[in-house]
Amino acid sequence: MTFDLIGYSGLPSNHSVIVSSMAALIALKDGCNQPAFGVAITLAFIVTLDASGLRKKVGEQARVINKILTSQQSGNTKILRERIGHTLFDMLAVLIVGIVVAHFEARA
């Protein structure tokens, strides 16, 4: 693993783990029939969909832009980061980590 994976991408996604563990913790502590759980799960869906969908499209655009920039062969061109979004595997790992974190926090 290299340090260029830290930040906008990588496994697990920090922001996705935070919201998924928050939703799982509310479910474990208060139950799924509470309004707070509805808000938390909605936020978790928004954040994870953004992390997997929108950011993946941004990465695809960065690849195209990098091809254009490298074809022009200008010496001081800064290459854009291409790995920005998360894969389905990444998102499944996020959910597992979030639930495990919530489980240990609920027991504390």
PDB file of N, CA and C in Angstrom:
ATOM      1  N   MET A   1       0.852  -1.183   0.000  1.00  0.00           N
ATOM      2  CA  MET A   1       0.000   0.000   0.000  1.00  0.00           C
ATOM      3  C   MET A   1       0.892   1.238   0.000  1.00  0.00           C
ATOM      4  N   THR A   2       0.540   2.180  -0.820  1.00  0.00           N
ATOM      5  CA  THR A   2       1.314   3.406  -0.883  1.00  0.00           C
ATOM      6  C   THR A   2       0.519   4.549  -0.282  1.00  0.00           C
ATOM      7  N   PHE A   3       1.208   5.632   0.043  1.00  0.00           N
ATOM      8  CA  PHE A   3       0.551   6.763   0.674  1.00  0.00           C
ATOM      9  C   PHE A   3      -0.368   7.526  -0.263  1.00  0.00           C
ATOM     10  N   ASP A   4      -0.269   7.288  -1.576  1.00  0.00           N
ATOM     11  CA  ASP A   4      -1.164   7.998  -2.492  1.00  0.00           C
ATOM     12  C   ASP A   4      -2.593   7.487  -2.411  1.00  0.00           C
ATOM     13  N   LEU A   5      -2.820   6.385  -1.722  1.00  0.00           N
ATOM     14  CA  LEU A   5      -4.173   5.875  -1.530  1.00  0.00           C
ATOM     15  C   LEU A   5      -4.870   6.537  -0.347  1.00  0.00           C
ATOM     16  N   ILE A   6      -4.134   7.254   0.468  1.00  0.00           N
ATOM     17  CA  ILE A   6      -4.717   7.915   1.630  1.00  0.00           C
ATOM     18  C   ILE A   6      -5.380   9.208   1.184  1.00  0.00           C
ATOM     19  N   GLY A   7      -6.567   9.446   1.647  1.00  0.00           N
ATOM     20  CA  GLY A   7      -7.261  10.684   1.314  1.00  0.00           C
ATOM     21  C   GLY A   7      -8.601  10.409   0.685  1.00  0.00           C
ATOM     22  N   TYR A   8      -8.683  10.545  -0.633  1.00  0.00           N
ATOM     23  CA  TYR A   8      -9.963  10.454  -1.318  1.00  0.00           C
ATOM     24  C   TYR A   8     -10.390   9.034  -1.642  1.00  0.00           C
ATOM     25  N   SER A   9      -9.570   8.093  -1.406  1.00  0.00           N
ATOM     26  CA  SER A   9      -9.917   6.717  -1.721  1.00  0.00           C
ATOM     27  C   SER A   9      -9.119   5.809  -0.816  1.00  0.00           C
ATOM     28  N   GLY A  10      -9.300   4.537  -0.954  1.00  0.00           N
ATOM     29  CA  GLY A  10      -8.603   3.573  -0.129  1.00  0.00           C
ATOM     30  C   GLY A  10      -9.583   2.753   0.666  1.00  0.00           C
ATOM     31  N   LEU A  11      -9.059   1.815   1.387  1.00  0.00           N
ATOM     32  CA  LEU A  11      -9.909   0.885   2.110  1.00  0.00           C
ATOM     33  C   LEU A  11      -9.519   0.900   3.562  1.00  0.00           C
ATOM     34  N   PRO A  12     -10.433   1.038   4.481  1.00  0.00           N
ATOM     35  CA  PRO A  12     -11.820   1.410   4.233  1.00  0.00           C
ATOM     36  C   PRO A  12     -11.968   2.920   4.102  1.00  0.00           C
ATOM     37  N   SER A  13     -13.065   3.307   3.558  1.00  0.00           N
ATOM     38  CA  SER A  13     -13.379   4.720   3.392  1.00  0.00           C
ATOM     39  C   SER A  13     -13.728   5.296   4.762  1.00  0.00           C
ATOM     40  N   ASN A  14     -12.954   6.273   5.221  1.00  0.00           N
ATOM     41  CA  ASN A  14     -13.155   6.819   6.569  1.00  0.00           C
ATOM     42  C   ASN A  14     -14.558   7.381   6.776  1.00  0.00           C
ATOM     43  N   HIS A  15     -14.997   8.215   5.855  1.00  0.00           N
ATOM     44  CA  HIS A  15     -16.302   8.847   6.044  1.00  0.00           C
ATOM     45  C   HIS A  15     -17.434   7.827   5.954  1.00  0.00           C
ATOM     46  N   SER A  16     -17.283   6.816   5.117  1.00  0.00           N
ATOM     47  CA  SER A  16     -18.323   5.784   5.013  1.00  0.00           C
ATOM     48  C   SER A  16     -18.362   4.894   6.256  1.00  0.00           C
ATOM     49  N   VAL A  17     -17.195   4.602   6.811  1.00  0.00           N
ATOM     50  CA  VAL A  17     -17.157   3.809   8.056  1.00  0.00           C
ATOM     51  C   VAL A  17     -17.808   4.584   9.193  1.00  0.00           C
ATOM     52  N   ILE A  18     -17.542   5.871   9.263  1.00  0.00           N
ATOM     53  CA  ILE A  18     -18.111   6.678  10.344  1.00  0.00           C
ATOM     54  C   ILE A  18     -19.635   6.661  10.297  1.00  0.00           C
ATOM     55  N   VAL A  19     -20.217   6.898   9.117  1.00  0.00           N
ATOM     56  CA  VAL A  19     -21.679   6.949   9.049  1.00  0.00           C
ATOM     57  C   VAL A  19     -22.311   5.563   9.174  1.00  0.00           C
ATOM     58  N   SER A  20     -21.647   4.533   8.674  1.00  0.00           N
ATOM     59  CA  SER A  20     -22.227   3.194   8.821  1.00  0.00           C
ATOM     60  C   SER A  20     -22.141   2.713  10.267  1.00  0.00           C
ATOM     61  N   SER A  21     -21.051   3.043  10.958  1.00  0.00           N
ATOM     62  CA  SER A  21     -20.965   2.647  12.369  1.00  0.00           C
ATOM     63  C   SER A  21     -21.948   3.439  13.217  1.00  0.00           C
ATOM     64  N   MET A  22     -22.192   4.704  12.856  1.00  0.00           N
ATOM     65  CA  MET A  22     -23.181   5.503  13.573  1.00  0.00           C
ATOM     66  C   MET A  22     -24.580   4.881  13.427  1.00  0.00           C
ATOM     67  N   ALA A  23     -24.941   4.501  12.210  1.00  0.00           N
ATOM     68  CA  ALA A  23     -26.254   3.884  11.984  1.00  0.00           C
ATOM     69  C   ALA A  23     -26.362   2.555  12.721  1.00  0.00           C
ATOM     70  N   ALA A  24     -25.297   1.757  12.659  1.00  0.00           N
ATOM     71  CA  ALA A  24     -25.327   0.461  13.346  1.00  0.00           C
ATOM     72  C   ALA A  24     -25.391   0.633  14.857  1.00  0.00           C
ATOM     73  N   LEU A  25     -24.682   1.615  15.394  1.00  0.00           N
ATOM     74  CA  LEU A  25     -24.695   1.860  16.836  1.00  0.00           C
ATOM     75  C   LEU A  25     -26.080   2.299  17.310  1.00  0.00           C
ATOM     76  N   ILE A  26     -26.719   3.164  16.552  1.00  0.00           N
ATOM     77  CA  ILE A  26     -28.079   3.578  16.911  1.00  0.00           C
ATOM     78  C   ILE A  26     -29.018   2.378  16.861  1.00  0.00           C
ATOM     79  N   ALA A  27     -28.877   1.531  15.849  1.00  0.00           N
ATOM     80  CA  ALA A  27     -29.716   0.334  15.748  1.00  0.00           C
ATOM     81  C   ALA A  27     -29.495  -0.598  16.937  1.00  0.00           C
ATOM     82  N   LEU A  28     -28.237  -0.764  17.344  1.00  0.00           N
ATOM     83  CA  LEU A  28     -27.929  -1.668  18.462  1.00  0.00           C
ATOM     84  C   LEU A  28     -28.382  -1.102  19.804  1.00  0.00           C
ATOM     85  N   LYS A  29     -28.196   0.195  20.004  1.00  0.00           N
ATOM     86  CA  LYS A  29     -28.518   0.813  21.296  1.00  0.00           C
ATOM     87  C   LYS A  29     -30.008   1.147  21.446  1.00  0.00           C
ATOM     88  N   ASP A  30     -30.603   1.735  20.400  1.00  0.00           N
ATOM     89  CA  ASP A  30     -31.968   2.244  20.517  1.00  0.00           C
ATOM     90  C   ASP A  30     -33.001   1.461  19.706  1.00  0.00           C
ATOM     91  N   GLY A  31     -32.533   0.692  18.747  1.00  0.00           N
ATOM     92  CA  GLY A  31     -33.453  -0.068  17.901  1.00  0.00           C
ATOM     93  C   GLY A  31     -33.663   0.603  16.549  1.00  0.00           C
ATOM     94  N   CYS A  32     -34.153  -0.164  15.617  1.00  0.00           N
ATOM     95  CA  CYS A  32     -34.349   0.325  14.251  1.00  0.00           C
ATOM     96  C   CYS A  32     -35.629   1.128  14.073  1.00  0.00           C
ATOM     97  N   ASN A  33     -36.497   1.162  15.085  1.00  0.00           N
ATOM     98  CA  ASN A  33     -37.766   1.886  14.958  1.00  0.00           C
ATOM     99  C   ASN A  33     -37.693   3.315  15.481  1.00  0.00           C
ATOM    100  N   GLN A  34     -36.486   3.805  15.732  1.00  0.00           N
ATOM    101  CA  GLN A  34     -36.301   5.166  16.231  1.00  0.00           C
ATOM    102  C   GLN A  34     -36.046   6.132  15.070  1.00  0.00           C
ATOM    103  N   PRO A  35     -36.542   7.364  15.185  1.00  0.00           N
ATOM    104  CA  PRO A  35     -36.287   8.350  14.128  1.00  0.00           C
ATOM    105  C   PRO A  35     -34.791   8.603  13.885  1.00  0.00           C
ATOM    106  N   ALA A  36     -34.001   8.547  14.938  1.00  0.00           N
ATOM    107  CA  ALA A  36     -32.556   8.771  14.783  1.00  0.00           C
ATOM    108  C   ALA A  36     -31.941   7.723  13.860  1.00  0.00           C
ATOM    109  N   PHE A  37     -32.437   6.488  13.924  1.00  0.00           N
ATOM    110  CA  PHE A  37     -31.924   5.446  13.033  1.00  0.00           C
ATOM    111  C   PHE A  37     -32.281   5.759  11.584  1.00  0.00           C
ATOM    112  N   GLY A  38     -33.486   6.254  11.355  1.00  0.00           N
ATOM    113  CA  GLY A  38     -33.893   6.623   9.991  1.00  0.00           C
ATOM    114  C   GLY A  38     -33.000   7.707   9.415  1.00  0.00           C
ATOM    115  N   VAL A  39     -32.688   8.706  10.228  1.00  0.00           N
ATOM    116  CA  VAL A  39     -31.802   9.785   9.782  1.00  0.00           C
ATOM    117  C   VAL A  39     -30.398   9.233   9.526  1.00  0.00           C
ATOM    118  N   ALA A  40     -29.902   8.403  10.445  1.00  0.00           N
ATOM    119  CA  ALA A  40     -28.543   7.862  10.320  1.00  0.00           C
ATOM    120  C   ALA A  40     -28.407   6.961   9.095  1.00  0.00           C
ATOM    121  N   ILE A  41     -29.392   6.130   8.841  1.00  0.00           N
ATOM    122  CA  ILE A  41     -29.303   5.217   7.696  1.00  0.00           C
ATOM    123  C   ILE A  41     -29.428   5.989   6.385  1.00  0.00           C
ATOM    124  N   THR A  42     -30.239   7.051   6.392  1.00  0.00           N
ATOM    125  CA  THR A  42     -30.344   7.901   5.199  1.00  0.00           C
ATOM    126  C   THR A  42     -29.010   8.582   4.909  1.00  0.00           C
ATOM    127  N   LEU A  43     -28.381   9.128   5.938  1.00  0.00           N
ATOM    128  CA  LEU A  43     -27.070   9.752   5.777  1.00  0.00           C
ATOM    129  C   LEU A  43     -26.040   8.727   5.298  1.00  0.00           C
ATOM    130  N   ALA A  44     -26.090   7.526   5.861  1.00  0.00           N
ATOM    131  CA  ALA A  44     -25.147   6.477   5.459  1.00  0.00           C
ATOM    132  C   ALA A  44     -25.307   6.130   3.980  1.00  0.00           C
ATOM    133  N   PHE A  45     -26.551   6.034   3.512  1.00  0.00           N
ATOM    134  CA  PHE A  45     -26.784   5.749   2.091  1.00  0.00           C
ATOM    135  C   PHE A  45     -26.255   6.864   1.203  1.00  0.00           C
ATOM    136  N   ILE A  46     -26.507   8.099   1.586  1.00  0.00           N
ATOM    137  CA  ILE A  46     -26.039   9.239   0.783  1.00  0.00           C
ATOM    138  C   ILE A  46     -24.521   9.242   0.688  1.00  0.00           C
ATOM    139  N   VAL A  47     -23.852   9.063   1.814  1.00  0.00           N
ATOM    140  CA  VAL A  47     -22.386   9.107   1.839  1.00  0.00           C
ATOM    141  C   VAL A  47     -21.791   7.929   1.065  1.00  0.00           C
ATOM    142  N   THR A  48     -22.324   6.723   1.258  1.00  0.00           N
ATOM    143  CA  THR A  48     -21.761   5.568   0.564  1.00  0.00           C
ATOM    144  C   THR A  48     -22.057   5.598  -0.931  1.00  0.00           C
ATOM    145  N   LEU A  49     -23.220   6.084  -1.315  1.00  0.00           N
ATOM    146  CA  LEU A  49     -23.504   6.212  -2.747  1.00  0.00           C
ATOM    147  C   LEU A  49     -22.580   7.238  -3.391  1.00  0.00           C
ATOM    148  N   ASP A  50     -22.308   8.319  -2.678  1.00  0.00           N
ATOM    149  CA  ASP A  50     -21.366   9.317  -3.177  1.00  0.00           C
ATOM    150  C   ASP A  50     -19.975   8.709  -3.308  1.00  0.00           C
ATOM    151  N   ALA A  51     -19.558   7.970  -2.301  1.00  0.00           N
ATOM    152  CA  ALA A  51     -18.214   7.388  -2.302  1.00  0.00           C
ATOM    153  C   ALA A  51     -18.035   6.353  -3.408  1.00  0.00           C
ATOM    154  N   SER A  52     -19.083   5.622  -3.722  1.00  0.00           N
ATOM    155  CA  SER A  52     -18.944   4.579  -4.732  1.00  0.00           C
ATOM    156  C   SER A  52     -19.311   5.052  -6.131  1.00  0.00           C
ATOM    157  N   GLY A  53     -20.293   5.911  -6.269  1.00  0.00           N
ATOM    158  CA  GLY A  53     -20.770   6.304  -7.589  1.00  0.00           C
ATOM    159  C   GLY A  53     -20.144   7.568  -8.129  1.00  0.00           C
ATOM    160  N   LEU A  54     -20.426   8.679  -7.472  1.00  0.00           N
ATOM    161  CA  LEU A  54     -19.970   9.974  -7.969  1.00  0.00           C
ATOM    162  C   LEU A  54     -18.447  10.049  -8.035  1.00  0.00           C
ATOM    163  N   ARG A  55     -17.787   9.617  -7.004  1.00  0.00           N
ATOM    164  CA  ARG A  55     -16.326   9.693  -6.983  1.00  0.00           C
ATOM    165  C   ARG A  55     -15.693   8.770  -8.025  1.00  0.00           C
ATOM    166  N   LYS A  56     -16.352   7.651  -8.316  1.00  0.00           N
ATOM    167  CA  LYS A  56     -15.846   6.762  -9.365  1.00  0.00           C
ATOM    168  C   LYS A  56     -15.884   7.473 -10.715  1.00  0.00           C
ATOM    169  N   LYS A  57     -16.947   8.207 -10.973  1.00  0.00           N
ATOM    170  CA  LYS A  57     -17.063   8.970 -12.218  1.00  0.00           C
ATOM    171  C   LYS A  57     -15.999  10.059 -12.292  1.00  0.00           C
ATOM    172  N   VAL A  58     -15.706  10.691 -11.166  1.00  0.00           N
ATOM    173  CA  VAL A  58     -14.654  11.701 -11.125  1.00  0.00           C
ATOM    174  C   VAL A  58     -13.306  11.073 -11.483  1.00  0.00           C
ATOM    175  N   GLY A  59     -13.052   9.883 -10.994  1.00  0.00           N
ATOM    176  CA  GLY A  59     -11.814   9.171 -11.320  1.00  0.00           C
ATOM    177  C   GLY A  59     -11.714   8.846 -12.798  1.00  0.00           C
ATOM    178  N   GLU A  60     -12.847   8.463 -13.404  1.00  0.00           N
ATOM    179  CA  GLU A  60     -12.857   8.185 -14.842  1.00  0.00           C
ATOM    180  C   GLU A  60     -12.541   9.449 -15.635  1.00  0.00           C
ATOM    181  N   GLN A  61     -13.101  10.570 -15.206  1.00  0.00           N
ATOM    182  CA  GLN A  61     -12.813  11.840 -15.872  1.00  0.00           C
ATOM    183  C   GLN A  61     -11.336  12.210 -15.722  1.00  0.00           C
ATOM    184  N   ALA A  62     -10.755  11.942 -14.561  1.00  0.00           N
ATOM    185  CA  ALA A  62      -9.339  12.242 -14.334  1.00  0.00           C
ATOM    186  C   ALA A  62      -8.466  11.430 -15.289  1.00  0.00           C
ATOM    187  N   ARG A  63      -8.831  10.166 -15.545  1.00  0.00           N
ATOM    188  CA  ARG A  63      -8.066   9.343 -16.495  1.00  0.00           C
ATOM    189  C   ARG A  63      -8.070   9.962 -17.895  1.00  0.00           C
ATOM    190  N   VAL A  64      -9.247  10.414 -18.326  1.00  0.00           N
ATOM    191  CA  VAL A  64      -9.363  11.028 -19.652  1.00  0.00           C
ATOM    192  C   VAL A  64      -8.547  12.318 -19.720  1.00  0.00           C
ATOM    193  N   ILE A  65      -8.657  13.146 -18.700  1.00  0.00           N
ATOM    194  CA  ILE A  65      -7.907  14.407 -18.665  1.00  0.00           C
ATOM    195  C   ILE A  65      -6.404  14.129 -18.655  1.00  0.00           C
ATOM    196  N   ASN A  66      -5.966  13.127 -17.883  1.00  0.00           N
ATOM    197  CA  ASN A  66      -4.543  12.783 -17.844  1.00  0.00           C
ATOM    198  C   ASN A  66      -4.035  12.333 -19.213  1.00  0.00           C
ATOM    199  N   LYS A  67      -4.851  11.571 -19.947  1.00  0.00           N
ATOM    200  CA  LYS A  67      -4.452  11.161 -21.301  1.00  0.00           C
ATOM    201  C   LYS A  67      -4.248  12.372 -22.199  1.00  0.00           C
ATOM    202  N   ILE A  68      -5.169  13.312 -22.095  1.00  0.00           N
ATOM    203  CA  ILE A  68      -5.068  14.531 -22.902  1.00  0.00           C
ATOM    204  C   ILE A  68      -3.815  15.316 -22.513  1.00  0.00           C
ATOM    205  N   LEU A  69      -3.593  15.481 -21.221  1.00  0.00           N
ATOM    206  CA  LEU A  69      -2.441  16.259 -20.754  1.00  0.00           C
ATOM    207  C   LEU A  69      -1.120  15.597 -21.126  1.00  0.00           C
ATOM    208  N   THR A  70      -1.039  14.283 -21.006  1.00  0.00           N
ATOM    209  CA  THR A  70       0.222  13.603 -21.336  1.00  0.00           C
ATOM    210  C   THR A  70       0.458  13.559 -22.836  1.00  0.00           C
ATOM    211  N   SER A  71      -0.593  13.591 -23.632  1.00  0.00           N
ATOM    212  CA  SER A  71      -0.410  13.604 -25.082  1.00  0.00           C
ATOM    213  C   SER A  71       0.140  14.944 -25.557  1.00  0.00           C
ATOM    214  N   GLN A  72      -0.109  16.002 -24.807  1.00  0.00           N
ATOM    215  CA  GLN A  72       0.419  17.328 -25.151  1.00  0.00           C
ATOM    216  C   GLN A  72       1.886  17.463 -24.749  1.00  0.00           C
ATOM    217  N   GLN A  73       2.341  16.584 -23.878  1.00  0.00           N
ATOM    218  CA  GLN A  73       3.732  16.502 -23.431  1.00  0.00           C
ATOM    219  C   GLN A  73       4.298  17.841 -22.945  1.00  0.00           C
ATOM    220  N   SER A  74       3.529  18.512 -22.129  1.00  0.00           N
ATOM    221  CA  SER A  74       4.084  19.715 -21.501  1.00  0.00           C
ATOM    222  C   SER A  74       4.842  19.281 -20.254  1.00  0.00           C
ATOM    223  N   GLY A  75       5.998  19.833 -20.040  1.00  0.00           N
ATOM    224  CA  GLY A  75       6.911  19.375 -18.996  1.00  0.00           C
ATOM    225  C   GLY A  75       6.442  19.573 -17.576  1.00  0.00           C
ATOM    226  N   ASN A  76       5.642  20.574 -17.299  1.00  0.00           N
ATOM    227  CA  ASN A  76       5.248  20.865 -15.919  1.00  0.00           C
ATOM    228  C   ASN A  76       3.786  20.524 -15.647  1.00  0.00           C
ATOM    229  N   THR A  77       3.256  19.527 -16.327  1.00  0.00           N
ATOM    230  CA  THR A  77       1.861  19.130 -16.151  1.00  0.00           C
ATOM    231  C   THR A  77       1.708  18.288 -14.896  1.00  0.00           C
ATOM    232  N   LYS A  78       0.769  18.665 -14.055  1.00  0.00           N
ATOM    233  CA  LYS A  78       0.471  17.888 -12.852  1.00  0.00           C
ATOM    234  C   LYS A  78      -0.600  16.860 -13.199  1.00  0.00           C
ATOM    235  N   ILE A  79      -0.307  15.602 -12.923  1.00  0.00           N
ATOM    236  CA  ILE A  79      -1.230  14.509 -13.217  1.00  0.00           C
ATOM    237  C   ILE A  79      -2.298  14.461 -12.131  1.00  0.00           C
ATOM    238  N   LEU A  80      -3.545  14.293 -12.542  1.00  0.00           N
ATOM    239  CA  LEU A  80      -4.661  14.218 -11.600  1.00  0.00           C
ATOM    240  C   LEU A  80      -4.744  12.829 -10.983  1.00  0.00           C
ATOM    241  N   ARG A  81      -5.228  12.769  -9.777  1.00  0.00           N
ATOM    242  CA  ARG A  81      -5.423  11.498  -9.077  1.00  0.00           C
ATOM    243  C   ARG A  81      -6.571  10.746  -9.735  1.00  0.00           C
ATOM    244  N   GLU A  82      -6.328   9.487 -10.125  1.00  0.00           N
ATOM    245  CA  GLU A  82      -7.326   8.719 -10.861  1.00  0.00           C
ATOM    246  C   GLU A  82      -8.141   7.779  -9.972  1.00  0.00           C
ATOM    247  N   ARG A  83      -7.556   7.298  -8.900  1.00  0.00           N
ATOM    248  CA  ARG A  83      -8.291   6.378  -8.024  1.00  0.00           C
ATOM    249  C   ARG A  83      -8.964   7.194  -6.933  1.00  0.00           C
ATOM    250  N   ILE A  84     -10.210   7.534  -7.163  1.00  0.00           N
ATOM    251  CA  ILE A  84     -10.930   8.375  -6.211  1.00  0.00           C
ATOM    252  C   ILE A  84     -12.118   7.633  -5.619  1.00  0.00           C
ATOM    253  N   GLY A  85     -12.854   6.906  -6.418  1.00  0.00           N
ATOM    254  CA  GLY A  85     -14.049   6.213  -5.953  1.00  0.00           C
ATOM    255  C   GLY A  85     -13.742   4.877  -5.306  1.00  0.00           C
ATOM    256  N   HIS A  86     -14.775   4.248  -4.804  1.00  0.00           N
ATOM    257  CA  HIS A  86     -14.646   2.968  -4.132  1.00  0.00           C
ATOM    258  C   HIS A  86     -15.367   1.881  -4.927  1.00  0.00           C
ATOM    259  N   THR A  87     -14.842   0.671  -4.845  1.00  0.00           N
ATOM    260  CA  THR A  87     -15.455  -0.471  -5.512  1.00  0.00           C
ATOM    261  C   THR A  87     -16.526  -1.077  -4.611  1.00  0.00           C
ATOM    262  N   LEU A  88     -17.275  -2.023  -5.151  1.00  0.00           N
ATOM    263  CA  LEU A  88     -18.285  -2.727  -4.357  1.00  0.00           C
ATOM    264  C   LEU A  88     -17.622  -3.465  -3.192  1.00  0.00           C
ATOM    265  N   PHE A  89     -16.462  -4.061  -3.435  1.00  0.00           N
ATOM    266  CA  PHE A  89     -15.725  -4.735  -2.368  1.00  0.00           C
ATOM    267  C   PHE A  89     -15.366  -3.760  -1.251  1.00  0.00           C
ATOM    268  N   ASP A  90     -14.894  -2.570  -1.638  1.00  0.00           N
ATOM    269  CA  ASP A  90     -14.564  -1.539  -0.644  1.00  0.00           C
ATOM    270  C   ASP A  90     -15.782  -1.210   0.215  1.00  0.00           C
ATOM    271  N   MET A  91     -16.927  -1.050  -0.425  1.00  0.00           N
ATOM    272  CA  MET A  91     -18.126  -0.653   0.302  1.00  0.00           C
ATOM    273  C   MET A  91     -18.633  -1.771   1.216  1.00  0.00           C
ATOM    274  N   LEU A  92     -18.498  -3.017   0.788  1.00  0.00           N
ATOM    275  CA  LEU A  92     -18.867  -4.141   1.667  1.00  0.00           C
ATOM    276  C   LEU A  92     -17.943  -4.175   2.886  1.00  0.00           C
ATOM    277  N   ALA A  93     -16.657  -3.934   2.656  1.00  0.00           N
ATOM    278  CA  ALA A  93     -15.710  -3.891   3.774  1.00  0.00           C
ATOM    279  C   ALA A  93     -16.052  -2.758   4.729  1.00  0.00           C
ATOM    280  N   VAL A  94     -16.482  -1.628   4.178  1.00  0.00           N
ATOM    281  CA  VAL A  94     -16.890  -0.481   4.998  1.00  0.00           C
ATOM    282  C   VAL A  94     -18.045  -0.868   5.914  1.00  0.00           C
ATOM    283  N   LEU A  95     -19.042  -1.525   5.356  1.00  0.00           N
ATOM    284  CA  LEU A  95     -20.199  -1.924   6.165  1.00  0.00           C
ATOM    285  C   LEU A  95     -19.795  -2.891   7.270  1.00  0.00           C
ATOM    286  N   ILE A  96     -18.926  -3.834   6.951  1.00  0.00           N
ATOM    287  CA  ILE A  96     -18.478  -4.807   7.955  1.00  0.00           C
ATOM    288  C   ILE A  96     -17.696  -4.102   9.059  1.00  0.00           C
ATOM    289  N   VAL A  97     -16.763  -3.238   8.680  1.00  0.00           N
ATOM    290  CA  VAL A  97     -15.974  -2.506   9.680  1.00  0.00           C
ATOM    291  C   VAL A  97     -16.881  -1.620  10.527  1.00  0.00           C
ATOM    292  N   GLY A  98     -17.832  -0.936   9.890  1.00  0.00           N
ATOM    293  CA  GLY A  98     -18.754  -0.075  10.627  1.00  0.00           C
ATOM    294  C   GLY A  98     -19.580  -0.842  11.644  1.00  0.00           C
ATOM    295  N   ILE A  99     -20.075  -2.003  11.265  1.00  0.00           N
ATOM    296  CA  ILE A  99     -20.882  -2.827  12.178  1.00  0.00           C
ATOM    297  C   ILE A  99     -20.021  -3.364  13.320  1.00  0.00           C
ATOM    298  N   VAL A 100     -18.794  -3.787  13.005  1.00  0.00           N
ATOM    299  CA  VAL A 100     -17.895  -4.300  14.050  1.00  0.00           C
ATOM    300  C   VAL A 100     -17.557  -3.186  15.050  1.00  0.00           C
ATOM    301  N   VAL A 101     -17.246  -1.996  14.556  1.00  0.00           N
ATOM    302  CA  VAL A 101     -16.949  -0.853  15.435  1.00  0.00           C
ATOM    303  C   VAL A 101     -18.154  -0.550  16.320  1.00  0.00           C
ATOM    304  N   ALA A 102     -19.330  -0.522  15.737  1.00  0.00           N
ATOM    305  CA  ALA A 102     -20.543  -0.241  16.509  1.00  0.00           C
ATOM    306  C   ALA A 102     -20.793  -1.314  17.554  1.00  0.00           C
ATOM    307  N   HIS A 103     -20.542  -2.556  17.208  1.00  0.00           N
ATOM    308  CA  HIS A 103     -20.746  -3.667  18.150  1.00  0.00           C
ATOM    309  C   HIS A 103     -19.851  -3.498  19.385  1.00  0.00           C
ATOM    310  N   PHE A 104     -18.579  -3.195  19.140  1.00  0.00           N
ATOM    311  CA  PHE A 104     -17.657  -3.035  20.276  1.00  0.00           C
ATOM    312  C   PHE A 104     -17.986  -1.782  21.086  1.00  0.00           C
ATOM    313  N   GLU A 105     -18.440  -0.728  20.420  1.00  0.00           N
ATOM    314  CA  GLU A 105     -18.819   0.490  21.134  1.00  0.00           C
ATOM    315  C   GLU A 105     -20.079   0.258  21.960  1.00  0.00           C
ATOM    316  N   ALA A 106     -21.012  -0.511  21.433  1.00  0.00           N
ATOM    317  CA  ALA A 106     -22.263  -0.780  22.149  1.00  0.00           C
ATOM    318  C   ALA A 106     -21.997  -1.619  23.406  1.00  0.00           C
ATOM    319  N   ARG A 107     -20.985  -2.461  23.354  1.00  0.00           N
ATOM    320  CA  ARG A 107     -20.662  -3.298  24.502  1.00  0.00           C
ATOM    321  C   ARG A 107     -19.891  -2.529  25.575  1.00  0.00           C
ATOM    322  N   ALA A 108     -19.308  -1.396  25.208  1.00  0.00           N
ATOM    323  CA  ALA A 108     -18.476  -0.633  26.144  1.00  0.00           C
ATOM    324  C   ALA A 108     -19.303   0.096  27.182  1.00  0.00           C
TER     325      ALA A 108
END
